[in-house]
């Protein structure tokens, strides 16, 4: 059994562990609140108002893809007109522009939530 089989197994185990921790922690929090006598309706309060989660996801994904595309284009321009190393320019510019895109998506999603 070589390392090529260990990577997918460890990835699966990591995802399973994260999901298990999220659900078990959430369950413990809810049980603790119920034991203290707090009404369980507080878990449904957040879903009544605000923007649906799928709209925020779509906005953030759109800005991420726009930022990645602009990053690739800028990296191409930089490597074409300068003598910089391709291996260093492409990842750095793509990550920088993707971060700027996510920041813009966050600001836009926050503005959507105010409406």
PDB file of N, CA and C in Angstrom:
ATOM      1  N   UNK A   1       0.853  -1.174   0.000  1.00  0.00           N
ATOM      2  CA  UNK A   1       0.000   0.000   0.000  1.00  0.00           C
ATOM      3  C   UNK A   1       0.902   1.241   0.000  1.00  0.00           C
ATOM      4  N   UNK A   2       0.939   1.909  -1.118  1.00  0.00           N
ATOM      5  CA  UNK A   2       1.826   3.051  -1.283  1.00  0.00           C
ATOM      6  C   UNK A   2       1.167   4.350  -0.858  1.00  0.00           C
ATOM      7  N   UNK A   3       1.907   5.422  -1.005  1.00  0.00           N
ATOM      8  CA  UNK A   3       1.373   6.729  -0.590  1.00  0.00           C
ATOM      9  C   UNK A   3       0.208   7.197  -1.465  1.00  0.00           C
ATOM     10  N   UNK A   4       0.076   6.651  -2.678  1.00  0.00           N
ATOM     11  CA  UNK A   4      -1.009   7.116  -3.532  1.00  0.00           C
ATOM     12  C   UNK A   4      -2.386   6.698  -3.006  1.00  0.00           C
ATOM     13  N   UNK A   5      -2.465   5.665  -2.175  1.00  0.00           N
ATOM     14  CA  UNK A   5      -3.748   5.289  -1.577  1.00  0.00           C
ATOM     15  C   UNK A   5      -3.947   5.979  -0.218  1.00  0.00           C
ATOM     16  N   UNK A   6      -2.873   6.382   0.428  1.00  0.00           N
ATOM     17  CA  UNK A   6      -2.986   7.010   1.745  1.00  0.00           C
ATOM     18  C   UNK A   6      -3.558   8.424   1.666  1.00  0.00           C
ATOM     19  N   UNK A   7      -3.291   9.117   0.582  1.00  0.00           N
ATOM     20  CA  UNK A   7      -3.775  10.495   0.443  1.00  0.00           C
ATOM     21  C   UNK A   7      -5.302  10.550   0.362  1.00  0.00           C
ATOM     22  N   UNK A   8      -5.965   9.753  -0.505  1.00  0.00           N
ATOM     23  CA  UNK A   8      -7.442   9.810  -0.506  1.00  0.00           C
ATOM     24  C   UNK A   8      -8.056   9.330   0.805  1.00  0.00           C
ATOM     25  N   UNK A   9      -7.440   8.320   1.431  1.00  0.00           N
ATOM     26  CA  UNK A   9      -7.981   7.826   2.697  1.00  0.00           C
ATOM     27  C   UNK A   9      -7.876   8.907   3.773  1.00  0.00           C
ATOM     28  N   UNK A  10      -6.725   9.571   3.861  1.00  0.00           N
ATOM     29  CA  UNK A  10      -6.576  10.610   4.882  1.00  0.00           C
ATOM     30  C   UNK A  10      -7.467  11.810   4.584  1.00  0.00           C
ATOM     31  N   UNK A  11      -7.689  12.132   3.314  1.00  0.00           N
ATOM     32  CA  UNK A  11      -8.601  13.221   2.963  1.00  0.00           C
ATOM     33  C   UNK A  11     -10.019  12.886   3.409  1.00  0.00           C
ATOM     34  N   UNK A  12     -10.458  11.654   3.140  1.00  0.00           N
ATOM     35  CA  UNK A  12     -11.786  11.224   3.554  1.00  0.00           C
ATOM     36  C   UNK A  12     -11.916  11.260   5.073  1.00  0.00           C
ATOM     37  N   UNK A  13     -10.917  10.775   5.788  1.00  0.00           N
ATOM     38  CA  UNK A  13     -10.955  10.775   7.244  1.00  0.00           C
ATOM     39  C   UNK A  13     -10.983  12.192   7.816  1.00  0.00           C
ATOM     40  N   UNK A  14     -10.253  13.099   7.189  1.00  0.00           N
ATOM     41  CA  UNK A  14     -10.234  14.485   7.651  1.00  0.00           C
ATOM     42  C   UNK A  14     -11.615  15.126   7.475  1.00  0.00           C
ATOM     43  N   UNK A  15     -12.242  14.938   6.315  1.00  0.00           N
ATOM     44  CA  UNK A  15     -13.565  15.505   6.061  1.00  0.00           C
ATOM     45  C   UNK A  15     -14.586  14.901   7.026  1.00  0.00           C
ATOM     46  N   UNK A  16     -14.510  13.583   7.222  1.00  0.00           N
ATOM     47  CA  UNK A  16     -15.426  12.926   8.159  1.00  0.00           C
ATOM     48  C   UNK A  16     -15.240  13.470   9.573  1.00  0.00           C
ATOM     49  N   UNK A  17     -13.993  13.670   9.993  1.00  0.00           N
ATOM     50  CA  UNK A  17     -13.719  14.186  11.334  1.00  0.00           C
ATOM     51  C   UNK A  17     -14.258  15.584  11.533  1.00  0.00           C
ATOM     52  N   UNK A  18     -14.108  16.434  10.538  1.00  0.00           N
ATOM     53  CA  UNK A  18     -14.609  17.812  10.643  1.00  0.00           C
ATOM     54  C   UNK A  18     -16.129  17.825  10.738  1.00  0.00           C
ATOM     55  N   UNK A  19     -16.795  17.045   9.880  1.00  0.00           N
ATOM     56  CA  UNK A  19     -18.261  17.000   9.910  1.00  0.00           C
ATOM     57  C   UNK A  19     -18.753  16.426  11.237  1.00  0.00           C
ATOM     58  N   UNK A  20     -18.087  15.375  11.729  1.00  0.00           N
ATOM     59  CA  UNK A  20     -18.478  14.783  13.008  1.00  0.00           C
ATOM     60  C   UNK A  20     -18.330  15.791  14.145  1.00  0.00           C
ATOM     61  N   UNK A  21     -17.221  16.527  14.157  1.00  0.00           N
ATOM     62  CA  UNK A  21     -17.020  17.535  15.210  1.00  0.00           C
ATOM     63  C   UNK A  21     -18.085  18.620  15.165  1.00  0.00           C
ATOM     64  N   UNK A  22     -18.437  19.062  13.978  1.00  0.00           N
ATOM     65  CA  UNK A  22     -19.443  20.119  13.847  1.00  0.00           C
ATOM     66  C   UNK A  22     -20.781  19.658  14.403  1.00  0.00           C
ATOM     67  N   UNK A  23     -21.213  18.455  13.999  1.00  0.00           N
ATOM     68  CA  UNK A  23     -22.523  17.984  14.439  1.00  0.00           C
ATOM     69  C   UNK A  23     -22.541  17.613  15.915  1.00  0.00           C
ATOM     70  N   UNK A  24     -21.477  17.013  16.414  1.00  0.00           N
ATOM     71  CA  UNK A  24     -21.480  16.644  17.830  1.00  0.00           C
ATOM     72  C   UNK A  24     -21.417  17.888  18.724  1.00  0.00           C
ATOM     73  N   UNK A  25     -20.652  18.888  18.324  1.00  0.00           N
ATOM     74  CA  UNK A  25     -20.591  20.125  19.105  1.00  0.00           C
ATOM     75  C   UNK A  25     -21.934  20.846  19.090  1.00  0.00           C
ATOM     76  N   UNK A  26     -22.565  20.892  17.934  1.00  0.00           N
ATOM     77  CA  UNK A  26     -23.865  21.547  17.832  1.00  0.00           C
ATOM     78  C   UNK A  26     -24.906  20.842  18.704  1.00  0.00           C
ATOM     79  N   UNK A  27     -24.848  19.515  18.695  1.00  0.00           N
ATOM     80  CA  UNK A  27     -25.784  18.747  19.511  1.00  0.00           C
ATOM     81  C   UNK A  27     -25.549  19.006  20.997  1.00  0.00           C
ATOM     82  N   UNK A  28     -24.289  19.055  21.420  1.00  0.00           N
ATOM     83  CA  UNK A  28     -23.978  19.327  22.831  1.00  0.00           C
ATOM     84  C   UNK A  28     -24.456  20.722  23.242  1.00  0.00           C
ATOM     85  N   UNK A  29     -24.262  21.695  22.374  1.00  0.00           N
ATOM     86  CA  UNK A  29     -24.707  23.056  22.694  1.00  0.00           C
ATOM     87  C   UNK A  29     -26.224  23.103  22.862  1.00  0.00           C
ATOM     88  N   UNK A  30     -26.933  22.450  21.972  1.00  0.00           N
ATOM     89  CA  UNK A  30     -28.392  22.457  22.050  1.00  0.00           C
ATOM     90  C   UNK A  30     -28.888  21.734  23.299  1.00  0.00           C
ATOM     91  N   UNK A  31     -28.253  20.604  23.621  1.00  0.00           N
ATOM     92  CA  UNK A  31     -28.652  19.882  24.829  1.00  0.00           C
ATOM     93  C   UNK A  31     -28.393  20.719  26.082  1.00  0.00           C
ATOM     94  N   UNK A  32     -27.266  21.437  26.117  1.00  0.00           N
ATOM     95  CA  UNK A  32     -26.956  22.284  27.268  1.00  0.00           C
ATOM     96  C   UNK A  32     -27.981  23.403  27.406  1.00  0.00           C
ATOM     97  N   UNK A  33     -28.393  23.988  26.291  1.00  0.00           N
ATOM     98  CA  UNK A  33     -29.401  25.056  26.354  1.00  0.00           C
ATOM     99  C   UNK A  33     -30.750  24.508  26.789  1.00  0.00           C
ATOM    100  N   UNK A  34     -31.110  23.312  26.320  1.00  0.00           N
ATOM    101  CA  UNK A  34     -32.393  22.722  26.701  1.00  0.00           C
ATOM    102  C   UNK A  34     -32.387  22.375  28.187  1.00  0.00           C
ATOM    103  N   UNK A  35     -31.246  21.895  28.700  1.00  0.00           N
ATOM    104  CA  UNK A  35     -31.152  21.577  30.124  1.00  0.00           C
ATOM    105  C   UNK A  35     -31.334  22.820  30.993  1.00  0.00           C
ATOM    106  N   UNK A  36     -30.913  23.964  30.485  1.00  0.00           N
ATOM    107  CA  UNK A  36     -31.055  25.207  31.245  1.00  0.00           C
ATOM    108  C   UNK A  36     -32.458  25.787  31.131  1.00  0.00           C
ATOM    109  N   UNK A  37     -33.291  25.169  30.301  1.00  0.00           N
ATOM    110  CA  UNK A  37     -34.674  25.608  30.177  1.00  0.00           C
ATOM    111  C   UNK A  37     -34.916  26.657  29.122  1.00  0.00           C
ATOM    112  N   UNK A  38     -33.955  26.882  28.258  1.00  0.00           N
ATOM    113  CA  UNK A  38     -34.130  27.867  27.182  1.00  0.00           C
ATOM    114  C   UNK A  38     -34.930  27.217  26.058  1.00  0.00           C
ATOM    115  N   UNK A  39     -35.848  27.986  25.490  1.00  0.00           N
ATOM    116  CA  UNK A  39     -36.708  27.463  24.441  1.00  0.00           C
ATOM    117  C   UNK A  39     -35.891  27.120  23.198  1.00  0.00           C
ATOM    118  N   UNK A  40     -36.234  26.028  22.537  1.00  0.00           N
ATOM    119  CA  UNK A  40     -35.494  25.576  21.360  1.00  0.00           C
ATOM    120  C   UNK A  40     -35.791  26.422  20.123  1.00  0.00           C
ATOM    121  N   UNK A  41     -36.736  27.344  20.207  1.00  0.00           N
ATOM    122  CA  UNK A  41     -37.070  28.166  19.036  1.00  0.00           C
ATOM    123  C   UNK A  41     -35.963  29.157  18.694  1.00  0.00           C
ATOM    124  N   UNK A  42     -34.959  29.330  19.569  1.00  0.00           N
ATOM    125  CA  UNK A  42     -33.878  30.267  19.243  1.00  0.00           C
ATOM    126  C   UNK A  42     -33.035  29.758  18.086  1.00  0.00           C
ATOM    127  N   UNK A  43     -33.104  28.456  17.797  1.00  0.00           N
ATOM    128  CA  UNK A  43     -32.327  27.909  16.689  1.00  0.00           C
ATOM    129  C   UNK A  43     -32.950  28.247  15.347  1.00  0.00           C
ATOM    130  N   UNK A  44     -34.213  28.629  15.336  1.00  0.00           N
ATOM    131  CA  UNK A  44     -34.900  28.944  14.085  1.00  0.00           C
ATOM    132  C   UNK A  44     -34.992  30.433  13.824  1.00  0.00           C
ATOM    133  N   UNK A  45     -34.550  31.269  14.751  1.00  0.00           N
ATOM    134  CA  UNK A  45     -34.681  32.721  14.601  1.00  0.00           C
ATOM    135  C   UNK A  45     -33.892  33.267  13.429  1.00  0.00           C
ATOM    136  N   UNK A  46     -32.716  32.732  13.166  1.00  0.00           N
ATOM    137  CA  UNK A  46     -31.866  33.277  12.112  1.00  0.00           C
ATOM    138  C   UNK A  46     -32.394  33.033  10.720  1.00  0.00           C
ATOM    139  N   UNK A  47     -33.265  32.023  10.543  1.00  0.00           N
ATOM    140  CA  UNK A  47     -33.716  31.684   9.201  1.00  0.00           C
ATOM    141  C   UNK A  47     -34.905  32.518   8.738  1.00  0.00           C
ATOM    142  N   UNK A  48     -35.507  33.314   9.631  1.00  0.00           N
ATOM    143  CA  UNK A  48     -36.679  34.087   9.253  1.00  0.00           C
ATOM    144  C   UNK A  48     -36.334  35.298   8.397  1.00  0.00           C
ATOM    145  N   UNK A  49     -35.241  35.948   8.673  1.00  0.00           N
ATOM    146  CA  UNK A  49     -34.908  37.179   7.968  1.00  0.00           C
ATOM    147  C   UNK A  49     -33.553  37.025   7.305  1.00  0.00           C
ATOM    148  N   UNK A  50     -33.248  37.971   6.451  1.00  0.00           N
ATOM    149  CA  UNK A  50     -31.942  37.961   5.810  1.00  0.00           C
ATOM    150  C   UNK A  50     -31.979  37.355   4.420  1.00  0.00           C
ATOM    151  N   UNK A  51     -30.830  37.346   3.812  1.00  0.00           N
ATOM    152  CA  UNK A  51     -30.679  36.842   2.460  1.00  0.00           C
ATOM    153  C   UNK A  51     -30.447  35.334   2.530  1.00  0.00           C
ATOM    154  N   UNK A  52     -31.038  34.565   1.606  1.00  0.00           N
ATOM    155  CA  UNK A  52     -30.780  33.127   1.608  1.00  0.00           C
ATOM    156  C   UNK A  52     -29.285  32.829   1.423  1.00  0.00           C
ATOM    157  N   UNK A  53     -28.837  31.734   2.018  1.00  0.00           N
ATOM    158  CA  UNK A  53     -27.416  31.382   1.993  1.00  0.00           C
ATOM    159  C   UNK A  53     -26.930  31.108   0.578  1.00  0.00           C
ATOM    160  N   UNK A  54     -27.789  30.577  -0.282  1.00  0.00           N
ATOM    161  CA  UNK A  54     -27.339  30.260  -1.632  1.00  0.00           C
ATOM    162  C   UNK A  54     -27.014  31.519  -2.420  1.00  0.00           C
ATOM    163  N   UNK A  55     -27.711  32.622  -2.144  1.00  0.00           N
ATOM    164  CA  UNK A  55     -27.404  33.875  -2.848  1.00  0.00           C
ATOM    165  C   UNK A  55     -26.041  34.410  -2.422  1.00  0.00           C
ATOM    166  N   UNK A  56     -25.742  34.323  -1.139  1.00  0.00           N
ATOM    167  CA  UNK A  56     -24.441  34.776  -0.652  1.00  0.00           C
ATOM    168  C   UNK A  56     -23.336  33.902  -1.223  1.00  0.00           C
ATOM    169  N   UNK A  57     -23.584  32.587  -1.292  1.00  0.00           N
ATOM    170  CA  UNK A  57     -22.604  31.665  -1.876  1.00  0.00           C
ATOM    171  C   UNK A  57     -22.349  31.995  -3.342  1.00  0.00           C
ATOM    172  N   UNK A  58     -23.405  32.266  -4.097  1.00  0.00           N
ATOM    173  CA  UNK A  58     -23.252  32.576  -5.523  1.00  0.00           C
ATOM    174  C   UNK A  58     -22.485  33.877  -5.716  1.00  0.00           C
ATOM    175  N   UNK A  59     -22.782  34.888  -4.892  1.00  0.00           N
ATOM    176  CA  UNK A  59     -22.077  36.168  -5.002  1.00  0.00           C
ATOM    177  C   UNK A  59     -20.587  35.984  -4.699  1.00  0.00           C
ATOM    178  N   UNK A  60     -20.278  35.255  -3.614  1.00  0.00           N
ATOM    179  CA  UNK A  60     -18.869  35.035  -3.268  1.00  0.00           C
ATOM    180  C   UNK A  60     -18.149  34.206  -4.314  1.00  0.00           C
ATOM    181  N   UNK A  61     -18.815  33.180  -4.856  1.00  0.00           N
ATOM    182  CA  UNK A  61     -18.207  32.354  -5.902  1.00  0.00           C
ATOM    183  C   UNK A  61     -17.955  33.174  -7.163  1.00  0.00           C
ATOM    184  N   UNK A  62     -18.906  34.041  -7.508  1.00  0.00           N
ATOM    185  CA  UNK A  62     -18.734  34.879  -8.696  1.00  0.00           C
ATOM    186  C   UNK A  62     -17.538  35.811  -8.534  1.00  0.00           C
ATOM    187  N   UNK A  63     -17.417  36.451  -7.383  1.00  0.00           N
ATOM    188  CA  UNK A  63     -16.281  37.347  -7.165  1.00  0.00           C
ATOM    189  C   UNK A  63     -14.964  36.579  -7.089  1.00  0.00           C
ATOM    190  N   UNK A  64     -14.984  35.361  -6.547  1.00  0.00           N
ATOM    191  CA  UNK A  64     -13.780  34.541  -6.512  1.00  0.00           C
ATOM    192  C   UNK A  64     -13.328  34.188  -7.917  1.00  0.00           C
ATOM    193  N   UNK A  65     -14.254  33.786  -8.769  1.00  0.00           N
ATOM    194  CA  UNK A  65     -13.895  33.428 -10.147  1.00  0.00           C
ATOM    195  C   UNK A  65     -13.454  34.656 -10.947  1.00  0.00           C
ATOM    196  N   UNK A  66     -14.103  35.784 -10.727  1.00  0.00           N
ATOM    197  CA  UNK A  66     -13.677  37.015 -11.392  1.00  0.00           C
ATOM    198  C   UNK A  66     -12.266  37.383 -10.952  1.00  0.00           C
ATOM    199  N   UNK A  67     -12.003  37.311  -9.652  1.00  0.00           N
ATOM    200  CA  UNK A  67     -10.668  37.617  -9.139  1.00  0.00           C
ATOM    201  C   UNK A  67      -9.611  36.664  -9.681  1.00  0.00           C
ATOM    202  N   UNK A  68      -9.936  35.382  -9.791  1.00  0.00           N
ATOM    203  CA  UNK A  68      -8.982  34.416 -10.337  1.00  0.00           C
ATOM    204  C   UNK A  68      -8.694  34.714 -11.805  1.00  0.00           C
ATOM    205  N   UNK A  69      -9.740  35.041 -12.559  1.00  0.00           N
ATOM    206  CA  UNK A  69      -9.546  35.357 -13.974  1.00  0.00           C
ATOM    207  C   UNK A  69      -8.705  36.604 -14.178  1.00  0.00           C
ATOM    208  N   UNK A  70      -8.975  37.624 -13.389  1.00  0.00           N
ATOM    209  CA  UNK A  70      -8.173  38.854 -13.468  1.00  0.00           C
ATOM    210  C   UNK A  70      -6.735  38.565 -13.048  1.00  0.00           C
ATOM    211  N   UNK A  71      -6.551  37.708 -12.042  1.00  0.00           N
ATOM    212  CA  UNK A  71      -5.212  37.336 -11.591  1.00  0.00           C
ATOM    213  C   UNK A  71      -4.427  36.617 -12.664  1.00  0.00           C
ATOM    214  N   UNK A  72      -5.068  35.695 -13.377  1.00  0.00           N
ATOM    215  CA  UNK A  72      -4.396  34.987 -14.472  1.00  0.00           C
ATOM    216  C   UNK A  72      -4.009  35.964 -15.565  1.00  0.00           C
ATOM    217  N   UNK A  73      -4.927  36.879 -15.899  1.00  0.00           N
ATOM    218  CA  UNK A  73      -4.637  37.863 -16.944  1.00  0.00           C
ATOM    219  C   UNK A  73      -3.484  38.781 -16.543  1.00  0.00           C
ATOM    220  N   UNK A  74      -3.510  39.271 -15.298  1.00  0.00           N
ATOM    221  CA  UNK A  74      -2.420  40.136 -14.843  1.00  0.00           C
ATOM    222  C   UNK A  74      -1.089  39.393 -14.799  1.00  0.00           C
ATOM    223  N   UNK A  75      -1.114  38.133 -14.367  1.00  0.00           N
ATOM    224  CA  UNK A  75       0.114  37.349 -14.336  1.00  0.00           C
ATOM    225  C   UNK A  75       0.658  37.149 -15.747  1.00  0.00           C
ATOM    226  N   UNK A  76      -0.220  36.927 -16.708  1.00  0.00           N
ATOM    227  CA  UNK A  76       0.214  36.796 -18.100  1.00  0.00           C
ATOM    228  C   UNK A  76       0.849  38.090 -18.590  1.00  0.00           C
ATOM    229  N   UNK A  77       0.239  39.222 -18.272  1.00  0.00           N
ATOM    230  CA  UNK A  77       0.811  40.504 -18.676  1.00  0.00           C
ATOM    231  C   UNK A  77       2.169  40.736 -18.011  1.00  0.00           C
ATOM    232  N   UNK A  78       2.268  40.422 -16.734  1.00  0.00           N
ATOM    233  CA  UNK A  78       3.521  40.652 -16.016  1.00  0.00           C
ATOM    234  C   UNK A  78       4.637  39.778 -16.566  1.00  0.00           C
ATOM    235  N   UNK A  79       4.338  38.503 -16.810  1.00  0.00           N
ATOM    236  CA  UNK A  79       5.390  37.608 -17.318  1.00  0.00           C
ATOM    237  C   UNK A  79       5.747  37.915 -18.758  1.00  0.00           C
ATOM    238  N   UNK A  80       4.808  38.451 -19.518  1.00  0.00           N
ATOM    239  CA  UNK A  80       5.103  38.780 -20.922  1.00  0.00           C
ATOM    240  C   UNK A  80       6.011  39.998 -21.011  1.00  0.00           C
ATOM    241  N   UNK A  81       5.759  41.014 -20.218  1.00  0.00           N
ATOM    242  CA  UNK A  81       6.487  42.271 -20.354  1.00  0.00           C
ATOM    243  C   UNK A  81       7.628  42.453 -19.362  1.00  0.00           C
ATOM    244  N   UNK A  82       7.857  41.468 -18.504  1.00  0.00           N
ATOM    245  CA  UNK A  82       9.006  41.531 -17.602  1.00  0.00           C
ATOM    246  C   UNK A  82       9.757  40.209 -17.677  1.00  0.00           C
ATOM    247  N   UNK A  83      10.879  40.154 -17.064  1.00  0.00           N
ATOM    248  CA  UNK A  83      11.675  38.939 -17.060  1.00  0.00           C
ATOM    249  C   UNK A  83      11.495  38.121 -15.793  1.00  0.00           C
ATOM    250  N   UNK A  84      10.377  38.313 -15.106  1.00  0.00           N
ATOM    251  CA  UNK A  84      10.146  37.592 -13.855  1.00  0.00           C
ATOM    252  C   UNK A  84       9.835  36.119 -14.114  1.00  0.00           C
ATOM    253  N   UNK A  85      10.090  35.295 -13.107  1.00  0.00           N
ATOM    254  CA  UNK A  85       9.900  33.856 -13.208  1.00  0.00           C
ATOM    255  C   UNK A  85       8.407  33.508 -13.199  1.00  0.00           C
ATOM    256  N   UNK A  86       7.971  32.701 -14.180  1.00  0.00           N
ATOM    257  CA  UNK A  86       6.562  32.320 -14.277  1.00  0.00           C
ATOM    258  C   UNK A  86       6.091  31.566 -13.038  1.00  0.00           C
ATOM    259  N   UNK A  87       6.960  30.701 -12.498  1.00  0.00           N
ATOM    260  CA  UNK A  87       6.583  29.871 -11.367  1.00  0.00           C
ATOM    261  C   UNK A  87       6.274  30.657 -10.111  1.00  0.00           C
ATOM    262  N   UNK A  88       6.780  31.862 -10.006  1.00  0.00           N
ATOM    263  CA  UNK A  88       6.517  32.675  -8.826  1.00  0.00           C
ATOM    264  C   UNK A  88       5.398  33.680  -9.068  1.00  0.00           C
ATOM    265  N   UNK A  89       5.289  34.178 -10.278  1.00  0.00           N
ATOM    266  CA  UNK A  89       4.326  35.248 -10.562  1.00  0.00           C
ATOM    267  C   UNK A  89       2.897  34.715 -10.601  1.00  0.00           C
ATOM    268  N   UNK A  90       2.673  33.623 -11.312  1.00  0.00           N
ATOM    269  CA  UNK A  90       1.310  33.126 -11.487  1.00  0.00           C
ATOM    270  C   UNK A  90       0.608  32.811 -10.159  1.00  0.00           C
ATOM    271  N   UNK A  91       1.182  31.958  -9.292  1.00  0.00           N
ATOM    272  CA  UNK A  91       0.450  31.672  -8.046  1.00  0.00           C
ATOM    273  C   UNK A  91       0.247  32.908  -7.173  1.00  0.00           C
ATOM    274  N   UNK A  92       1.258  33.755  -7.085  1.00  0.00           N
ATOM    275  CA  UNK A  92       1.123  34.907  -6.191  1.00  0.00           C
ATOM    276  C   UNK A  92       0.049  35.870  -6.679  1.00  0.00           C
ATOM    277  N   UNK A  93       0.039  36.198  -7.948  1.00  0.00           N
ATOM    278  CA  UNK A  93      -0.963  37.138  -8.465  1.00  0.00           C
ATOM    279  C   UNK A  93      -2.356  36.521  -8.415  1.00  0.00           C
ATOM    280  N   UNK A  94      -2.471  35.218  -8.719  1.00  0.00           N
ATOM    281  CA  UNK A  94      -3.786  34.574  -8.669  1.00  0.00           C
ATOM    282  C   UNK A  94      -4.325  34.577  -7.243  1.00  0.00           C
ATOM    283  N   UNK A  95      -3.483  34.252  -6.263  1.00  0.00           N
ATOM    284  CA  UNK A  95      -3.950  34.255  -4.873  1.00  0.00           C
ATOM    285  C   UNK A  95      -4.294  35.665  -4.399  1.00  0.00           C
ATOM    286  N   UNK A  96      -3.491  36.639  -4.786  1.00  0.00           N
ATOM    287  CA  UNK A  96      -3.777  38.024  -4.378  1.00  0.00           C
ATOM    288  C   UNK A  96      -5.107  38.489  -4.956  1.00  0.00           C
ATOM    289  N   UNK A  97      -5.316  38.261  -6.242  1.00  0.00           N
ATOM    290  CA  UNK A  97      -6.546  38.721  -6.871  1.00  0.00           C
ATOM    291  C   UNK A  97      -7.762  37.913  -6.409  1.00  0.00           C
ATOM    292  N   UNK A  98      -7.577  36.624  -6.101  1.00  0.00           N
ATOM    293  CA  UNK A  98      -8.691  35.840  -5.546  1.00  0.00           C
ATOM    294  C   UNK A  98      -9.075  36.368  -4.174  1.00  0.00           C
ATOM    295  N   UNK A  99      -8.092  36.746  -3.369  1.00  0.00           N
ATOM    296  CA  UNK A  99      -8.381  37.342  -2.069  1.00  0.00           C
ATOM    297  C   UNK A  99      -9.108  38.662  -2.201  1.00  0.00           C
ATOM    298  N   UNK A 100      -8.697  39.476  -3.160  1.00  0.00           N
ATOM    299  CA  UNK A 100      -9.391  40.743  -3.396  1.00  0.00           C
ATOM    300  C   UNK A 100     -10.828  40.469  -3.849  1.00  0.00           C
ATOM    301  N   UNK A 101     -11.005  39.443  -4.700  1.00  0.00           N
ATOM    302  CA  UNK A 101     -12.352  39.075  -5.139  1.00  0.00           C
ATOM    303  C   UNK A 101     -13.222  38.601  -3.991  1.00  0.00           C
ATOM    304  N   UNK A 102     -12.663  37.786  -3.090  1.00  0.00           N
ATOM    305  CA  UNK A 102     -13.433  37.332  -1.936  1.00  0.00           C
ATOM    306  C   UNK A 102     -13.779  38.485  -1.000  1.00  0.00           C
ATOM    307  N   UNK A 103     -12.853  39.418  -0.838  1.00  0.00           N
ATOM    308  CA  UNK A 103     -13.131  40.591  -0.011  1.00  0.00           C
ATOM    309  C   UNK A 103     -14.261  41.416  -0.613  1.00  0.00           C
ATOM    310  N   UNK A 104     -14.233  41.610  -1.929  1.00  0.00           N
ATOM    311  CA  UNK A 104     -15.310  42.345  -2.597  1.00  0.00           C
ATOM    312  C   UNK A 104     -16.631  41.590  -2.487  1.00  0.00           C
ATOM    313  N   UNK A 105     -16.587  40.266  -2.591  1.00  0.00           N
ATOM    314  CA  UNK A 105     -17.800  39.460  -2.428  1.00  0.00           C
ATOM    315  C   UNK A 105     -18.353  39.557  -1.026  1.00  0.00           C
ATOM    316  N   UNK A 106     -17.470  39.586  -0.037  1.00  0.00           N
ATOM    317  CA  UNK A 106     -17.912  39.730   1.351  1.00  0.00           C
ATOM    318  C   UNK A 106     -18.599  41.074   1.560  1.00  0.00           C
ATOM    319  N   UNK A 107     -17.998  42.133   1.020  1.00  0.00           N
ATOM    320  CA  UNK A 107     -18.597  43.467   1.158  1.00  0.00           C
ATOM    321  C   UNK A 107     -19.960  43.520   0.459  1.00  0.00           C
ATOM    322  N   UNK A 108     -20.062  42.903  -0.720  1.00  0.00           N
ATOM    323  CA  UNK A 108     -21.325  42.899  -1.451  1.00  0.00           C
ATOM    324  C   UNK A 108     -22.379  42.077  -0.717  1.00  0.00           C
ATOM    325  N   UNK A 109     -21.981  40.928  -0.163  1.00  0.00           N
ATOM    326  CA  UNK A 109     -22.935  40.098   0.585  1.00  0.00           C
ATOM    327  C   UNK A 109     -23.405  40.814   1.842  1.00  0.00           C
ATOM    328  N   UNK A 110     -22.508  41.580   2.465  1.00  0.00           N
ATOM    329  CA  UNK A 110     -22.892  42.347   3.646  1.00  0.00           C
ATOM    330  C   UNK A 110     -23.898  43.428   3.261  1.00  0.00           C
ATOM    331  N   UNK A 111     -23.713  44.045   2.097  1.00  0.00           N
ATOM    332  CA  UNK A 111     -24.668  45.055   1.629  1.00  0.00           C
ATOM    333  C   UNK A 111     -26.004  44.415   1.281  1.00  0.00           C
ATOM    334  N   UNK A 112     -25.994  43.185   0.734  1.00  0.00           N
ATOM    335  CA  UNK A 112     -27.235  42.477   0.431  1.00  0.00           C
ATOM    336  C   UNK A 112     -28.015  42.196   1.710  1.00  0.00           C
ATOM    337  N   UNK A 113     -27.306  41.893   2.773  1.00  0.00           N
ATOM    338  CA  UNK A 113     -27.943  41.547   4.039  1.00  0.00           C
ATOM    339  C   UNK A 113     -28.610  42.756   4.680  1.00  0.00           C
ATOM    340  N   UNK A 114     -28.115  43.975   4.372  1.00  0.00           N
ATOM    341  CA  UNK A 114     -28.703  45.192   4.946  1.00  0.00           C
ATOM    342  C   UNK A 114     -30.041  45.535   4.317  1.00  0.00           C
ATOM    343  N   UNK A 115     -30.233  45.108   3.070  1.00  0.00           N
ATOM    344  CA  UNK A 115     -31.476  45.458   2.340  1.00  0.00           C
ATOM    345  C   UNK A 115     -32.684  44.730   2.881  1.00  0.00           C
TER     346      UNK A 115
END
